[in-house]
Each structure stands twice: as structure tokens, then as C-alpha cells.
Amino acid sequence: MLVLGRKSGQTITFPDLDIEVAVVSIIGDKVRIGIVAPASVRILRTEIMERYHDDANEEAEAGDA
């Protein structure tokens, strides 16, 4: 894992993927980030992605019964 320090208003760019991540604000222990990416790139919060995978696994198990 690469760990980078950024201040509010600073960005990280992934030029090969045409993606930019910006630190929008930092308030206490909360960091707000903004992501600029092509519409074809799916962006999901980890907890949403995990829920999606859990639901898919449950459906697959139900189909095996």
C-alpha cells in the first residue's frame, strides 16, 4: 500500500487511468474526498461493494440447493 499525505485542496492523479482524487476538506477525523473519473469507471464505497458481494454469494448458494 502506498500512503501519501495530502492537505485540503491537494490532489492525487492517476494519469494512465484518467482519474484524479482530491482532498476536499478535513474536519476533525473526517476527510471528504472528490473523485474525477470517466463515466465508465465504477466507484463504490468498500462497504457497498462488500454488501454487493455478500448478496451475490447468498444468491449463488441458494441456487446450488
Protein backbone atom coordinates (compact mmCIF):
# COMPACT_ATOMS: atom_id res chain seq x y z
CA MET A 1 0.00 0.00 0.00
CA LEU A 2 1.26 3.45 -0.88
CA VAL A 3 0.45 6.07 1.76
CA LEU A 4 0.56 9.73 0.74
CA GLY A 5 -0.04 12.78 2.86
CA ARG A 6 -2.19 15.49 1.29
CA LYS A 7 -3.61 18.75 2.57
CA SER A 8 -7.07 20.11 1.86
CA GLY A 9 -7.26 21.20 -1.78
CA GLN A 10 -4.43 18.93 -2.92
CA THR A 11 -4.89 16.08 -5.39
CA ILE A 12 -3.51 12.71 -6.44
CA THR A 13 -3.63 11.86 -10.13
CA PHE A 14 -3.63 8.51 -11.92
CA PRO A 15 -2.82 9.76 -15.44
CA ASP A 16 -2.92 6.34 -17.15
CA LEU A 17 -6.47 5.84 -15.86
CA ASP A 18 -7.64 9.46 -16.26
CA ILE A 19 -8.59 9.59 -12.56
CA GLU A 20 -7.98 12.37 -10.06
CA VAL A 21 -8.65 12.21 -6.31
CA ALA A 22 -8.85 15.48 -4.38
CA VAL A 23 -8.97 16.19 -0.67
CA VAL A 24 -11.99 18.50 -0.47
CA SER A 25 -11.95 19.15 3.28
CA ILE A 26 -10.71 17.82 6.59
CA ILE A 27 -12.87 18.40 9.66
CA GLY A 28 -11.79 16.61 12.82
CA ASP A 29 -11.37 12.93 11.98
CA LYS A 30 -13.43 13.15 8.77
CA VAL A 31 -11.91 13.59 5.34
CA ARG A 32 -14.07 14.48 2.34
CA ILE A 33 -12.66 13.43 -0.99
CA GLY A 34 -13.72 14.18 -4.54
CA ILE A 35 -13.08 11.82 -7.44
CA VAL A 36 -12.97 12.81 -11.10
CA ALA A 37 -13.07 9.80 -13.42
CA PRO A 38 -14.55 8.75 -16.74
CA ALA A 39 -18.22 7.71 -16.58
CA SER A 40 -17.19 4.16 -17.48
CA VAL A 41 -15.29 3.78 -14.18
CA ARG A 42 -17.36 2.33 -11.32
CA ILE A 43 -16.62 3.92 -7.96
CA LEU A 44 -18.02 2.20 -4.87
CA ARG A 45 -17.52 2.62 -1.16
CA THR A 46 -15.97 -0.56 0.25
CA GLU A 47 -18.95 -1.33 2.50
CA ILE A 48 -21.30 -1.15 -0.50
CA MET A 49 -19.03 -3.40 -2.56
CA GLU A 50 -18.84 -5.93 0.30
CA ARG A 51 -22.62 -5.94 0.65
CA TYR A 52 -22.97 -6.50 -3.10
CA HIS A 53 -20.56 -9.45 -2.97
CA ASP A 54 -22.30 -10.91 0.12
CA ASP A 55 -25.69 -10.72 -1.63
CA ALA A 56 -24.24 -12.34 -4.78
CA ASN A 57 -22.72 -15.17 -2.71
CA GLU A 58 -26.04 -15.78 -0.94
CA GLU A 59 -27.86 -15.95 -4.28
CA ALA A 60 -25.28 -18.38 -5.66
CA GLU A 61 -25.59 -20.60 -2.57
CA ALA A 62 -29.39 -20.57 -2.83
CA GLY A 63 -29.13 -21.62 -6.48
CA ASP A 64 -26.93 -24.58 -5.54
CA ALA A 65 -29.53 -26.03 -3.15
